[in-house]
Amino acid sequence: MDSIAILEKLVAFPTVSRDSNLGLISYVAEVLEEHGIAYELIHDAAGGKANLFATVGPKDRPGVMLSGHTDVVPVKGQAWTMPPFALTQHDGRLYGRGTADMKGFVACALRAMVMAARQPLKVPLHLALSYDEEVGCLGVRSLVGMLAEMPVKPWLCLVGEPTGMQVATGHKGKLAARATCCGREGHSALAPLALNALHLGCDFVGVLRDEQDRLAREGARDTDYDIPYTTVHVGKMSGGVALNIVPNRCEIDFEIRNIAADDADTLLSGLRMRAEEIVAGVAERVPEAAIEIDVTNAYPGLDTPVASPAVAFVKSLLGANGTIKVAFGTEGGLFSRDVGTPTVVCGPGSMAQGHKPDEFVSIEQMRRCDAMLDALVERMVSAEL
């Protein structure tokens, strides 16, 4: 099978995170069945989405797991000049939503599974496909739970997010939270007698900015990242009904993206203490004042040691010398932390093309990924792990 032909099929499924991925999963399952490859599905509670886990080779020993997500970000509001859900080949590039992030790798991985099924593998090759990665690595958690219970876990997880086929050993963790600021409503003509929740929110945003300044100035450093320190970011602030009403509620969505040296929960505890100080300043006059902070999503970072045998193995498949760390998050941190499987990120394309109109992956990158996975299969036949 050809990975580009497979990619054409995958791109045609509009697997935006809010929608079902079952059409794509059914296609993958048909290919696996055609080649006698065993698989299982793990559906979400509503039955409209599913993870897929497949294995080629013996199941009684550790092997290699190829990991990818099937969902893509929306195209609405983007100025595409090519059809987003049809593969367009032009000037050495393959255009379509998800080509870089990350159906290009999924196509290469499915091809590798078919190739492996024709070989007498001495160690197993696994394929793990997930849903809802783009909205916070949500769908993969049931798959992670299944893997954590397996008596024999993969020796290596290769997450195929786009790295330009460089070997990435780490990414930051992410904690997303919502601060709900409660004040007291009133007529705007009598505003000083009320408590404006938006003003409380602005005070808390000031705290977040102060924390970001502190981290940038004196926080821990990891120079493998473009931004070498932990970041705090406010993405959304909302509140108020009408100009002549003092709002009694304000919501602020913010995130912490932490390097391995910083603990996001510890940073959040400090922010909660600062929020309590803001409230304490007005509580005597307005007892109902509050700033409540709830975590809406979190996933761990990835920090695989560069000296790890797993890293050396992936580098050997590519003939690579160095490693990188990536700015974006992946499911790799969950596989590493919760399954205990050493994890490396390496895949075709660039995230600079992801989430944008006219997303693409180059044919050259796809062929390099095919070559890496061909080398992997060869090593699994000889059991040289």
Protein backbone atom coordinates (compact mmCIF):
# COMPACT_ATOMS: atom_id res chain seq x y z
CA MET A 1 0.00 0.00 0.00
CA ASP A 2 1.07 3.57 -0.60
CA SER A 3 0.93 6.03 2.28
CA ILE A 4 -0.19 8.89 0.06
CA ALA A 5 -3.14 6.86 -1.24
CA ILE A 6 -4.05 6.10 2.37
CA LEU A 7 -3.72 9.78 3.28
CA GLU A 8 -6.17 10.66 0.51
CA LYS A 9 -8.72 8.38 2.16
CA LEU A 10 -8.06 9.76 5.66
CA VAL A 11 -8.32 13.43 4.68
CA ALA A 12 -11.72 12.78 3.10
CA PHE A 13 -13.16 12.03 6.54
CA PRO A 14 -14.06 15.42 8.16
CA THR A 15 -13.09 14.31 11.66
CA VAL A 16 -13.33 17.69 13.37
CA SER A 17 -13.14 17.06 17.12
CA ARG A 18 -16.80 17.95 17.77
CA ASP A 19 -17.90 15.31 15.21
CA SER A 20 -17.66 11.52 14.99
CA ASN A 21 -14.48 9.79 13.84
CA LEU A 22 -16.19 6.45 13.23
CA GLY A 23 -16.05 6.72 9.45
CA LEU A 24 -12.27 6.98 9.54
CA ILE A 25 -11.98 4.28 12.19
CA SER A 26 -14.15 1.94 10.09
CA TYR A 27 -11.87 2.50 7.10
CA VAL A 28 -8.78 1.70 9.16
CA ALA A 29 -10.49 -1.37 10.61
CA GLU A 30 -11.35 -2.61 7.10
CA VAL A 31 -7.72 -2.30 6.02
CA LEU A 32 -6.57 -4.16 9.12
CA GLU A 33 -9.14 -6.92 8.64
CA GLU A 34 -8.14 -7.30 4.99
CA HIS A 35 -4.61 -8.10 6.13
CA GLY A 36 -5.54 -10.27 9.10
CA ILE A 37 -4.50 -7.77 11.75
CA ALA A 38 -6.24 -8.01 15.12
CA TYR A 39 -7.65 -4.82 16.64
CA GLU A 40 -10.06 -3.61 19.27
CA LEU A 41 -12.15 -0.47 19.62
CA ILE A 42 -12.79 1.60 22.73
CA HIS A 43 -15.88 3.77 22.24
CA ASP A 44 -16.78 6.93 24.08
CA ALA A 45 -19.82 6.92 26.36
CA ALA A 46 -22.13 8.18 23.61
CA GLY A 47 -20.89 5.65 21.07
CA GLY A 48 -20.09 8.25 18.43
CA LYS A 49 -16.31 8.11 18.64
CA ALA A 50 -13.69 5.43 19.20
CA ASN A 51 -10.05 4.73 19.88
CA LEU A 52 -8.43 1.86 18.00
CA PHE A 53 -5.64 -0.42 19.18
CA ALA A 54 -4.12 -3.02 16.84
CA THR A 55 -1.23 -5.46 17.09
CA VAL A 56 0.93 -7.35 14.61
CA GLY A 57 3.27 -10.04 15.93
CA PRO A 58 3.63 -11.79 19.30
CA LYS A 59 1.77 -10.26 22.25
CA ASP A 60 3.85 -11.83 25.03
CA ARG A 61 6.79 -9.42 24.82
CA PRO A 62 7.33 -5.63 24.74
CA GLY A 63 7.20 -3.99 21.34
CA VAL A 64 6.79 -0.61 19.66
CA MET A 65 3.58 1.41 19.56
CA LEU A 66 2.84 3.93 16.80
CA SER A 67 0.52 6.59 18.18
CA GLY A 68 -1.63 9.12 16.36
CA HIS A 69 -4.85 11.07 16.80
CA THR A 70 -7.64 11.04 14.23
CA ASP A 71 -9.35 14.36 14.95
CA VAL A 72 -8.60 17.69 13.30
CA VAL A 73 -9.36 21.32 14.08
CA PRO A 74 -12.23 23.15 12.33
CA VAL A 75 -11.90 24.89 8.98
CA LYS A 76 -14.80 27.32 9.47
CA GLY A 77 -13.75 30.94 9.07
CA GLN A 78 -10.45 30.06 7.39
CA ALA A 79 -9.61 31.24 3.88
CA TRP A 80 -8.82 27.93 2.18
CA THR A 81 -7.91 28.10 -1.51
CA MET A 82 -8.12 24.31 -1.84
CA PRO A 83 -10.81 21.89 -0.63
CA PRO A 84 -9.92 21.10 3.00
CA PHE A 85 -11.39 17.59 3.00
CA ALA A 86 -9.95 16.38 -0.30
CA LEU A 87 -6.24 15.71 -0.84
CA THR A 88 -4.69 18.08 -3.38
CA GLN A 89 -1.19 17.40 -4.68
CA HIS A 90 0.70 20.40 -6.00
CA ASP A 91 4.38 21.23 -6.37
CA GLY A 92 5.56 18.44 -4.08
CA ARG A 93 3.04 19.20 -1.37
CA LEU A 94 -0.08 17.39 -0.17
CA TYR A 95 -2.79 19.84 0.91
CA GLY A 96 -5.78 19.14 3.15
CA ARG A 97 -6.95 19.48 6.73
CA GLY A 98 -4.92 17.17 8.93
CA THR A 99 -2.18 16.40 6.42
CA ALA A 100 0.45 17.71 8.84
CA ASP A 101 -1.47 17.37 12.10
CA MET A 102 -1.45 14.40 11.94
CA LYS A 103 -3.06 12.18 9.33
CA GLY A 104 0.19 12.10 7.37
CA PHE A 105 1.77 10.02 10.11
CA VAL A 106 -1.38 7.93 10.59
CA ALA A 107 -1.23 7.03 6.90
CA CYS A 108 2.43 6.02 7.18
CA ALA A 109 1.71 4.04 10.35
CA LEU A 110 -1.18 2.12 8.74
CA ARG A 111 1.04 1.29 5.79
CA ALA A 112 3.72 0.06 8.20
CA MET A 113 1.21 -2.20 9.95
CA VAL A 114 0.25 -3.77 6.61
CA MET A 115 3.91 -4.25 5.72
CA ALA A 116 4.61 -5.76 9.14
CA ALA A 117 1.75 -8.23 8.76
CA ARG A 118 3.66 -9.81 5.88
CA GLN A 119 6.78 -10.31 7.99
CA PRO A 120 7.70 -12.81 10.74
CA LEU A 121 8.01 -10.26 13.53
CA LYS A 122 9.87 -11.36 16.64
CA VAL A 123 8.49 -8.43 18.64
CA PRO A 124 5.07 -6.79 18.25
CA LEU A 125 4.16 -3.62 16.42
CA HIS A 126 1.13 -1.78 17.80
CA LEU A 127 -1.04 0.95 16.32
CA ALA A 128 -2.90 3.29 18.69
CA LEU A 129 -5.36 5.81 17.23
CA SER A 130 -7.30 8.23 19.42
CA TYR A 131 -10.06 10.82 19.21
CA ASP A 132 -10.44 14.33 20.70
CA GLU A 133 -6.74 15.09 21.05
CA GLU A 134 -7.22 18.61 19.74
CA VAL A 135 -9.54 19.54 22.62
CA GLY A 136 -7.19 18.53 25.43
CA CYS A 137 -6.03 14.93 24.89
CA LEU A 138 -9.44 13.74 26.09
CA GLY A 139 -10.22 10.61 24.09
CA VAL A 140 -6.91 8.85 24.56
CA ARG A 141 -7.38 8.51 28.31
CA SER A 142 -9.52 5.38 28.03
CA LEU A 143 -6.87 3.87 25.77
CA VAL A 144 -4.17 4.83 28.25
CA GLY A 145 -6.18 3.14 30.99
CA MET A 146 -6.38 -0.07 28.95
CA LEU A 147 -2.64 -0.03 28.22
CA ALA A 148 -1.81 0.56 31.88
CA GLU A 149 -3.64 -2.69 32.74
CA MET A 150 -1.89 -4.78 30.09
CA PRO A 151 0.50 -7.40 31.53
CA VAL A 152 3.05 -6.61 28.80
CA LYS A 153 3.38 -2.95 27.94
CA PRO A 154 5.07 -1.45 24.88
CA TRP A 155 8.80 -0.89 25.17
CA LEU A 156 8.59 2.31 23.10
CA CYS A 157 5.84 4.69 22.06
CA LEU A 158 6.43 6.72 18.91
CA VAL A 159 4.00 9.65 18.70
CA GLY A 160 3.92 10.88 15.11
CA GLU A 161 3.10 14.56 15.63
CA PRO A 162 4.83 16.74 13.02
CA THR A 163 8.46 17.42 13.93
CA GLY A 164 9.98 17.63 10.46
CA MET A 165 11.17 14.05 11.11
CA GLN A 166 13.40 15.25 13.93
CA VAL A 167 13.53 13.29 17.18
CA ALA A 168 11.71 15.19 19.94
CA THR A 169 12.15 14.09 23.54
CA GLY A 170 9.94 16.58 25.32
CA HIS A 171 7.17 19.13 25.45
CA LYS A 172 5.61 21.27 28.15
CA GLY A 173 2.66 20.20 30.24
CA LYS A 174 -0.60 22.14 30.20
CA LEU A 175 -3.13 23.04 32.87
CA ALA A 176 -6.27 24.87 31.71
CA ALA A 177 -8.45 26.59 34.31
CA ARG A 178 -11.40 28.93 34.67
CA ALA A 179 -11.59 31.68 37.27
CA THR A 180 -15.16 32.66 38.12
CA CYS A 181 -15.30 36.09 39.73
CA CYS A 182 -18.45 36.90 41.70
CA GLY A 183 -19.39 40.47 42.64
CA ARG A 184 -22.64 42.30 43.37
CA GLU A 185 -24.92 43.62 40.64
CA GLY A 186 -26.42 47.09 40.66
CA HIS A 187 -27.44 50.07 38.57
CA SER A 188 -24.46 51.68 36.87
CA ALA A 189 -25.56 55.07 38.22
CA LEU A 190 -24.88 53.66 41.69
CA ALA A 191 -21.82 51.64 40.71
CA PRO A 192 -19.79 52.41 43.85
CA LEU A 193 -22.45 50.68 45.94
CA ALA A 194 -22.08 47.44 43.93
CA LEU A 195 -19.01 45.31 43.18
CA ASN A 196 -18.06 44.96 39.54
CA ALA A 197 -17.07 41.36 38.80
CA LEU A 198 -15.18 42.51 35.73
CA HIS A 199 -13.03 44.69 37.96
CA LEU A 200 -12.32 41.66 40.15
CA GLY A 201 -11.43 39.80 36.98
CA CYS A 202 -9.06 42.53 35.87
CA ASP A 203 -7.34 42.38 39.25
CA PHE A 204 -6.90 38.63 38.84
CA VAL A 205 -5.60 39.04 35.28
CA GLY A 206 -3.04 41.40 36.80
CA VAL A 207 -2.00 38.59 39.14
CA LEU A 208 -1.58 36.24 36.17
CA ARG A 209 0.54 38.82 34.35
CA ASP A 210 2.68 39.34 37.43
CA GLU A 211 3.24 35.59 37.67
CA GLN A 212 4.23 35.43 34.01
CA ASP A 213 6.69 38.28 34.53
CA ARG A 214 8.16 36.48 37.54
CA LEU A 215 8.58 33.22 35.62
CA ALA A 216 10.18 35.01 32.69
CA ARG A 217 12.51 36.92 34.98
CA GLU A 218 13.58 34.34 37.55
CA GLY A 219 11.81 31.04 36.81
CA ALA A 220 13.41 27.71 35.93
CA ARG A 221 14.88 27.36 32.45
CA ASP A 222 14.98 24.66 29.78
CA THR A 223 16.88 26.09 26.82
CA ASP A 224 15.75 23.29 24.50
CA TYR A 225 12.49 25.26 24.11
CA ASP A 226 12.02 28.40 22.02
CA ILE A 227 10.34 29.90 25.11
CA PRO A 228 12.61 28.40 27.78
CA TYR A 229 10.38 29.01 30.80
CA THR A 230 6.86 28.22 31.99
CA THR A 231 4.18 30.46 30.51
CA VAL A 232 0.86 31.77 31.86
CA HIS A 233 -1.70 32.90 29.30
CA VAL A 234 -5.21 34.39 29.44
CA GLY A 235 -7.27 33.27 26.46
CA LYS A 236 -10.77 34.47 27.22
CA MET A 237 -12.56 36.89 29.54
CA SER A 238 -16.33 37.33 29.57
CA GLY A 239 -18.96 39.02 31.71
CA GLY A 240 -21.64 41.64 31.81
CA VAL A 241 -25.15 41.92 30.33
CA ALA A 242 -25.72 45.61 29.60
CA LEU A 243 -23.77 48.83 29.96
CA ASN A 244 -26.05 50.19 32.67
CA ILE A 245 -25.79 47.07 34.87
CA VAL A 246 -22.83 46.45 37.15
CA PRO A 247 -21.97 42.81 36.35
CA ASN A 248 -22.03 40.27 39.16
CA ARG A 249 -20.13 37.57 37.32
CA CYS A 250 -17.01 37.33 35.19
CA GLU A 251 -15.24 34.27 33.79
CA ILE A 252 -11.58 34.10 32.84
CA ASP A 253 -10.09 31.14 30.98
CA PHE A 254 -6.34 30.81 31.43
CA GLU A 255 -3.60 28.23 31.08
CA ILE A 256 -0.23 27.25 32.48
CA ARG A 257 2.25 25.56 30.13
CA ASN A 258 5.00 24.28 32.37
CA ILE A 259 8.48 22.96 31.79
CA ALA A 260 9.45 19.82 33.70
CA ALA A 261 11.18 21.79 36.48
CA ASP A 262 7.91 23.53 37.42
CA ASP A 263 4.86 21.86 38.92
CA ALA A 264 1.64 23.32 37.50
CA ASP A 265 -0.42 22.41 40.58
CA THR A 266 2.03 24.25 42.82
CA LEU A 267 1.86 27.32 40.59
CA LEU A 268 -1.94 27.13 40.64
CA SER A 269 -1.95 26.99 44.43
CA GLY A 270 -0.01 30.23 44.51
CA LEU A 271 -2.48 31.84 42.14
CA ARG A 272 -5.38 30.71 44.34
CA MET A 273 -3.73 32.39 47.34
CA ARG A 274 -3.38 35.63 45.39
CA ALA A 275 -7.05 35.40 44.38
CA GLU A 276 -8.02 35.03 48.04
CA GLU A 277 -6.05 38.19 48.83
CA ILE A 278 -8.01 40.11 46.19
CA VAL A 279 -11.31 38.92 47.67
CA ALA A 280 -10.20 39.65 51.23
CA GLY A 281 -9.83 43.30 50.29
CA VAL A 282 -13.54 43.65 49.48
CA ALA A 283 -15.17 40.90 51.57
CA GLU A 284 -16.07 43.13 54.51
CA ARG A 285 -18.19 45.35 52.25
CA VAL A 286 -19.42 42.57 49.91
CA PRO A 287 -19.44 39.21 51.72
CA GLU A 288 -20.59 37.33 48.61
CA ALA A 289 -17.46 38.35 46.70
CA ALA A 290 -15.42 35.39 45.46
CA ILE A 291 -12.89 34.20 42.89
CA GLU A 292 -13.28 30.47 42.37
CA ILE A 293 -10.74 28.61 40.22
CA ASP A 294 -11.60 25.27 38.61
CA VAL A 295 -9.27 23.15 36.47
CA THR A 296 -11.01 22.38 33.18
CA ASN A 297 -8.31 20.19 31.62
CA ALA A 298 -4.72 19.12 32.18
CA TYR A 299 -2.16 16.85 30.61
CA PRO A 300 1.43 16.17 31.64
CA GLY A 301 4.52 17.26 29.84
CA LEU A 302 7.00 14.88 28.27
CA ASP A 303 10.64 14.79 29.31
CA THR A 304 12.24 11.58 28.04
CA PRO A 305 15.95 11.50 28.91
CA VAL A 306 18.14 12.08 25.87
CA ALA A 307 20.31 9.15 27.02
CA SER A 308 17.31 6.79 27.02
CA PRO A 309 17.71 3.61 24.92
CA ALA A 310 14.36 4.45 23.35
CA VAL A 311 15.73 7.76 22.07
CA ALA A 312 18.88 6.09 20.78
CA PHE A 313 16.75 3.51 18.98
CA VAL A 314 14.63 6.08 17.14
CA LYS A 315 17.71 8.10 16.25
CA SER A 316 19.27 4.96 14.78
CA LEU A 317 16.25 4.44 12.52
CA LEU A 318 16.75 7.92 11.09
CA GLY A 319 20.51 8.18 11.22
CA ALA A 320 19.96 11.27 13.37
CA ASN A 321 22.43 12.79 15.80
CA GLY A 322 20.53 15.42 17.75
CA THR A 323 17.19 15.84 19.49
CA ILE A 324 14.73 18.67 19.97
CA LYS A 325 11.79 19.61 22.18
CA VAL A 326 8.52 20.91 20.76
CA ALA A 327 6.33 23.81 21.85
CA PHE A 328 3.01 22.03 21.36
CA GLY A 329 1.53 19.34 23.60
CA THR A 330 0.97 15.71 22.66
CA GLU A 331 -0.52 12.54 24.10
CA GLY A 332 3.04 11.38 24.74
CA GLY A 333 3.12 12.68 28.30
CA LEU A 334 0.16 10.46 29.22
CA PHE A 335 1.77 7.36 27.70
CA SER A 336 5.00 8.11 29.53
CA ARG A 337 3.48 8.97 32.93
CA ASP A 338 0.48 6.66 33.14
CA VAL A 339 1.62 3.63 31.13
CA GLY A 340 5.31 3.89 31.97
CA THR A 341 6.36 3.56 28.32
CA PRO A 342 9.36 5.61 27.13
CA THR A 343 8.01 7.99 24.50
CA VAL A 344 9.51 9.89 21.60
CA VAL A 345 7.76 12.31 19.22
CA CYS A 346 8.71 12.13 15.55
CA GLY A 347 6.60 12.60 12.46
CA PRO A 348 6.31 14.17 9.01
CA GLY A 349 5.53 17.81 8.40
CA SER A 350 5.70 20.95 10.48
CA MET A 351 3.28 22.26 13.10
CA ALA A 352 3.86 25.65 11.49
CA GLN A 353 1.41 24.38 8.86
CA GLY A 354 -1.05 22.92 11.36
CA HIS A 355 -4.37 24.60 12.26
CA LYS A 356 -4.04 26.97 9.26
CA PRO A 357 -5.77 27.24 5.89
CA ASP A 358 -4.11 25.26 3.09
CA GLU A 359 -2.42 22.95 5.59
CA PHE A 360 0.08 20.64 3.90
CA VAL A 361 2.74 18.01 4.32
CA SER A 362 5.45 17.52 1.71
CA ILE A 363 5.83 14.29 -0.24
CA GLU A 364 9.49 14.27 0.81
CA GLN A 365 8.49 14.22 4.49
CA MET A 366 6.03 11.38 3.89
CA ARG A 367 8.70 9.33 2.16
CA ARG A 368 11.15 9.95 4.99
CA CYS A 369 8.55 8.73 7.46
CA ASP A 370 7.90 5.62 5.35
CA ALA A 371 11.65 4.93 5.30
CA MET A 372 11.87 5.27 9.10
CA LEU A 373 9.01 2.85 9.64
CA ASP A 374 10.39 0.42 7.03
CA ALA A 375 13.64 0.38 9.02
CA LEU A 376 11.61 -0.19 12.18
CA VAL A 377 9.85 -3.22 10.72
CA GLU A 378 13.18 -4.65 9.55
CA ARG A 379 14.58 -4.33 13.08
CA MET A 380 11.50 -6.02 14.54
CA VAL A 381 11.97 -8.99 12.25
CA SER A 382 15.52 -9.38 13.58
CA ALA A 383 14.47 -8.40 17.13
CA GLU A 384 17.14 -5.71 17.29
CA LEU A 385 15.47 -3.42 19.82
